[in-house]
Protein backbone atom coordinates (compact mmCIF):
# COMPACT_ATOMS: atom_id res chain seq x y z
CA UNK A 1 73.13 72.12 128.37
CA UNK A 2 70.96 74.84 128.97
CA UNK A 3 69.24 76.67 126.40
CA UNK A 4 67.88 80.19 125.97
CA UNK A 5 65.44 81.03 123.19
CA UNK A 6 65.18 84.63 122.11
CA UNK A 7 62.77 84.61 119.77
CA UNK A 8 65.15 84.71 116.66
CA UNK A 9 67.32 81.72 117.53
CA UNK A 10 67.82 79.06 120.15
CA UNK A 11 71.60 79.85 121.52
CA UNK A 12 73.04 77.21 123.95
CA UNK A 13 75.09 78.46 126.85
CA UNK A 14 78.39 76.86 127.79
CA UNK A 15 79.75 77.94 124.32
CA UNK A 16 83.50 79.67 124.42
CA UNK A 17 81.78 82.38 122.78
CA UNK A 18 79.70 85.20 124.20
CA UNK A 19 75.40 85.11 123.76
CA UNK A 20 72.83 86.74 125.35
CA UNK A 21 72.67 84.85 128.46
CA UNK A 22 76.22 85.83 129.24
CA UNK A 23 75.31 89.39 129.08
CA UNK A 24 72.10 88.98 131.25
CA UNK A 25 74.42 86.99 133.92
CA UNK A 26 76.50 90.22 133.84
CA UNK A 27 73.47 92.39 134.52
CA UNK A 28 73.52 93.96 130.98
CA UNK A 29 70.32 93.87 128.88
CA UNK A 30 71.04 93.94 125.48
CA UNK A 31 68.35 93.78 122.08
CA UNK A 32 69.61 92.33 119.01
CA UNK A 33 69.13 94.47 116.13
CA UNK A 34 67.68 92.61 112.79
CA UNK A 35 69.72 93.04 109.34
CA UNK A 36 68.57 91.95 105.90
CA UNK A 37 70.81 90.60 103.19
CA UNK A 38 73.28 93.39 101.67
CA UNK A 39 72.04 95.80 104.64
CA UNK A 40 75.30 97.86 106.13
CA UNK A 41 75.71 97.40 109.83
CA UNK A 42 78.11 100.25 109.93
CA UNK A 43 80.52 101.90 107.47
CA UNK A 44 84.28 103.11 107.17
CA UNK A 45 84.49 106.32 109.37
CA UNK A 46 81.68 105.59 111.86
CA UNK A 47 82.76 106.04 115.54
CA UNK A 48 84.14 102.94 116.63
CA UNK A 49 82.50 103.35 120.19
CA UNK A 50 80.83 99.97 120.30
CA UNK A 51 81.76 96.25 119.45
CA UNK A 52 79.09 94.08 117.53
CA UNK A 53 78.25 90.30 118.43
CA UNK A 54 76.88 88.28 115.53
CA UNK A 55 74.12 86.27 116.94
CA UNK A 56 72.70 84.75 113.93
CA UNK A 57 73.59 84.76 110.18
CA UNK A 58 76.45 85.71 108.10
CA UNK A 59 78.41 89.22 108.18
CA UNK A 60 81.32 90.18 106.03
CA UNK A 61 83.99 93.07 106.84
CA UNK A 62 85.45 94.71 103.78
CA UNK A 63 87.49 97.80 102.36
CA UNK A 64 87.21 99.91 99.57
CA UNK A 65 90.26 100.80 97.46
CA UNK A 66 91.35 101.87 93.96
CA UNK A 67 88.26 102.89 91.91
CA UNK A 68 85.71 101.65 94.19
CA UNK A 69 86.92 98.10 94.43
CA UNK A 70 86.06 96.25 97.47
CA UNK A 71 88.47 93.82 99.33
CA UNK A 72 86.97 91.20 101.83
CA UNK A 73 88.74 91.06 104.86
CA UNK A 74 86.78 88.45 107.03
CA UNK A 75 83.35 86.70 106.66
CA UNK A 76 81.63 85.83 109.97
CA UNK A 77 79.08 83.42 110.84
CA UNK A 78 77.23 82.94 114.09
CA UNK A 79 78.84 83.96 117.18
CA UNK A 80 81.48 86.13 115.46
CA UNK A 81 82.75 89.84 117.20
CA UNK A 82 83.51 92.73 114.86
CA UNK A 83 84.39 96.53 114.93
CA UNK A 84 87.38 97.71 115.96
CA UNK A 85 88.84 95.27 118.34
CA UNK A 86 89.73 96.37 121.85
CA UNK A 87 87.97 98.17 124.51
CA UNK A 88 89.29 102.00 123.73
CA UNK A 89 86.85 104.52 122.21
CA UNK A 90 87.53 107.57 119.97
CA UNK A 91 88.42 106.10 116.59
CA UNK A 92 86.67 105.65 113.59
CA UNK A 93 85.77 102.38 111.89
CA UNK A 94 88.34 101.15 109.31
CA UNK A 95 86.27 98.88 107.16
CA UNK A 96 82.55 98.37 106.19
CA UNK A 97 80.38 95.69 107.97
CA UNK A 98 77.31 94.30 105.53
CA UNK A 99 75.09 91.40 106.22
CA UNK A 100 75.45 88.56 103.73
CA UNK A 101 71.98 86.87 105.09
CA UNK A 102 69.69 87.71 107.30
CA UNK A 103 71.39 88.43 110.65
CA UNK A 104 70.88 89.53 114.11
CA UNK A 105 73.43 91.74 115.73
CA UNK A 106 74.15 92.80 119.17
CA UNK A 107 75.95 96.36 119.70
CA UNK A 108 77.55 96.86 123.14
CA UNK A 109 79.46 100.25 124.21
CA UNK A 110 83.04 99.78 124.92
CA UNK A 111 83.10 101.50 128.43
CA UNK A 112 80.25 98.86 129.41
CA UNK A 113 82.00 96.03 127.95
CA UNK A 114 85.24 97.23 130.20
CA UNK A 115 83.29 97.18 133.12
CA UNK A 116 82.04 93.94 132.82
CA UNK A 117 85.53 92.65 132.14
CA UNK A 118 86.67 94.13 135.26
CA UNK A 119 83.75 92.36 137.52
CA UNK A 120 83.49 89.12 135.57
CA UNK A 121 86.66 86.65 134.56
CA UNK A 122 84.13 84.41 132.75
CA UNK A 123 83.13 87.13 130.47
CA UNK A 124 86.48 88.55 130.17
CA UNK A 125 87.85 84.99 128.87
CA UNK A 126 84.88 84.57 126.31
CA UNK A 127 85.49 88.26 125.01
CA UNK A 128 89.30 87.82 124.29
CA UNK A 129 88.25 84.05 123.07
CA UNK A 130 86.21 85.95 120.60
CA UNK A 131 89.18 88.68 119.89
CA UNK A 132 91.41 85.56 119.60
CA UNK A 133 89.43 84.23 116.66
CA UNK A 134 88.70 87.08 114.66
CA UNK A 135 92.73 87.50 114.73
CA UNK A 136 92.95 84.10 113.45
CA UNK A 137 90.67 84.89 110.83
CA UNK A 138 92.94 87.91 109.93
CA UNK A 139 95.88 85.32 109.63
CA UNK A 140 94.22 83.20 107.44
CA UNK A 141 93.12 85.91 105.04
CA UNK A 142 96.73 86.96 105.03
CA UNK A 143 97.68 83.48 104.14
CA UNK A 144 95.51 83.40 101.22
CA UNK A 145 97.10 86.36 99.50
CA UNK A 146 100.68 85.30 100.13
CA UNK A 147 100.64 83.27 96.67
CA UNK A 148 101.16 85.13 93.55
CA UNK A 149 98.80 82.58 91.73
CA UNK A 150 94.99 82.96 91.67
CA UNK A 151 94.79 79.36 91.72
CA UNK A 152 96.88 78.98 94.99
CA UNK A 153 95.28 81.89 96.69
CA UNK A 154 91.92 80.62 95.73
CA UNK A 155 92.76 77.17 96.60
CA UNK A 156 93.77 78.13 100.45
CA UNK A 157 90.48 80.68 100.71
CA UNK A 158 88.29 77.65 99.93
CA UNK A 159 89.76 75.48 102.38
CA UNK A 160 89.76 77.97 104.90
CA UNK A 161 85.88 78.77 104.49
CA UNK A 162 85.36 74.95 104.21
CA UNK A 163 87.22 74.50 108.02
CA UNK A 164 84.98 77.43 109.21
CA UNK A 165 81.39 77.10 107.15
CA UNK A 166 81.76 73.42 105.89
CA UNK A 167 79.37 70.78 106.47
CA UNK A 168 80.67 67.14 105.85
CA UNK A 169 78.66 65.35 103.08
CA UNK A 170 78.94 62.11 101.39
CA UNK A 171 81.48 63.43 98.66
CA UNK A 172 83.22 66.10 100.43
CA UNK A 173 82.85 69.42 102.62
CA UNK A 174 79.83 71.56 101.57
CA UNK A 175 80.64 75.55 102.35
CA UNK A 176 77.19 76.85 103.85
CA UNK A 177 77.36 80.17 102.53
CA UNK A 178 76.27 81.15 99.16
CA UNK A 179 79.28 83.16 97.70
CA UNK A 180 79.50 84.51 94.05
CA UNK A 181 82.67 84.45 92.03
CA UNK A 182 82.71 88.35 92.78
CA UNK A 183 82.61 87.31 96.53
CA UNK A 184 85.49 85.16 96.17
CA UNK A 185 87.36 87.60 93.88
CA UNK A 186 86.74 90.42 96.59
CA UNK A 187 88.39 87.84 99.52
CA UNK A 188 91.53 87.21 97.50
CA UNK A 189 91.81 90.65 95.76
CA UNK A 190 91.16 89.51 92.11
CA UNK A 191 89.00 89.81 89.51
CA UNK A 192 85.50 88.05 88.99
CA UNK A 193 86.91 86.70 85.38
CA UNK A 194 90.21 85.44 86.67
CA UNK A 195 88.22 83.47 89.39
CA UNK A 196 85.44 82.32 87.30
CA UNK A 197 88.34 80.75 85.01
CA UNK A 198 89.74 78.78 87.74
CA UNK A 199 86.73 77.88 89.52
CA UNK A 200 85.91 76.29 86.02
CA UNK A 201 89.06 74.23 86.13
CA UNK A 202 88.59 73.10 89.69
CA UNK A 203 85.38 71.64 88.62
CA UNK A 204 86.80 70.11 85.33
CA UNK A 205 89.99 68.74 87.74
CA UNK A 206 87.38 67.28 90.11
CA UNK A 207 88.66 69.35 93.00
CA UNK A 208 85.14 71.23 93.64
CA UNK A 209 81.29 70.85 92.83
CA UNK A 210 78.68 73.34 92.65
CA UNK A 211 75.32 72.56 94.26
CA UNK A 212 72.54 75.11 94.35
CA UNK A 213 74.60 77.88 94.16
CA UNK A 214 77.06 76.41 97.22
CA UNK A 215 80.55 74.86 96.74
CA UNK A 216 81.17 71.42 97.77
CA UNK A 217 85.07 70.49 98.34
CA UNK A 218 86.02 67.03 97.07
CA UNK A 219 88.69 65.45 99.05
CA UNK A 220 91.07 66.10 95.82
CA UNK A 221 91.53 69.55 96.92
CA UNK A 222 93.81 69.03 99.51
CA UNK A 223 95.99 67.40 96.86
CA UNK A 224 95.13 70.03 94.33
CA UNK A 225 96.52 72.92 96.53
CA UNK A 226 99.70 70.87 96.65
CA UNK A 227 99.95 70.03 92.80
CA UNK A 228 97.89 72.03 90.82
CA UNK A 229 97.30 70.96 86.91
CA UNK A 230 99.25 72.91 84.33
CA UNK A 231 95.99 73.95 83.07
CA UNK A 232 94.80 75.32 86.15
CA UNK A 233 97.83 77.23 86.75
CA UNK A 234 97.67 78.74 82.85
CA UNK A 235 93.91 79.75 83.79
CA UNK A 236 95.02 81.64 86.61
CA UNK A 237 97.58 83.78 84.56
């Protein structure tokens, strides 16, 4: 497999998602911009004339509601696409995008992408595949909110994060992103206090372990989401 080194990371071609080589093959030169952890990529209300492609790092999308409370709507890592999905411009961003870790992002104007799609079917397939992945993540976010119980919502979220960001270890699946209890609360529209209680119960029940500020999901979590202990349910209330 051919690889392209851009000075920040080594990106493999042949991926189902877009990388720098795909833009070069389409005759478009782009330059990635670096963001530090907690830097804002764009804010709600900014013009939506560009799509953003995550080359490296982790970015979260969130909305502000109520008294400045935050609700995370997506967590993206390596090759994610974000911004208002679609190739029409003239609207405004509906959420905030913030780097969770050091990240590198490419921004491409939508009219440029529209022209590339007309001339390069392979590029179009990858772009729409990226759109599909973002929509799947939105479905997962909605799924994690269907239950009224914090414990069930948190279990669903952890399993989704494990699927997307997990690394298999000898004792389970390690989520390779540092997430605070407040981060988790923002993802399920809950409070830090409620999430902390449930996370403590999950640890006592052997559903999760915490290693160097990272969450490890044990095989028992799959069973736990179906049959949570009464103690865990009480903690969620």
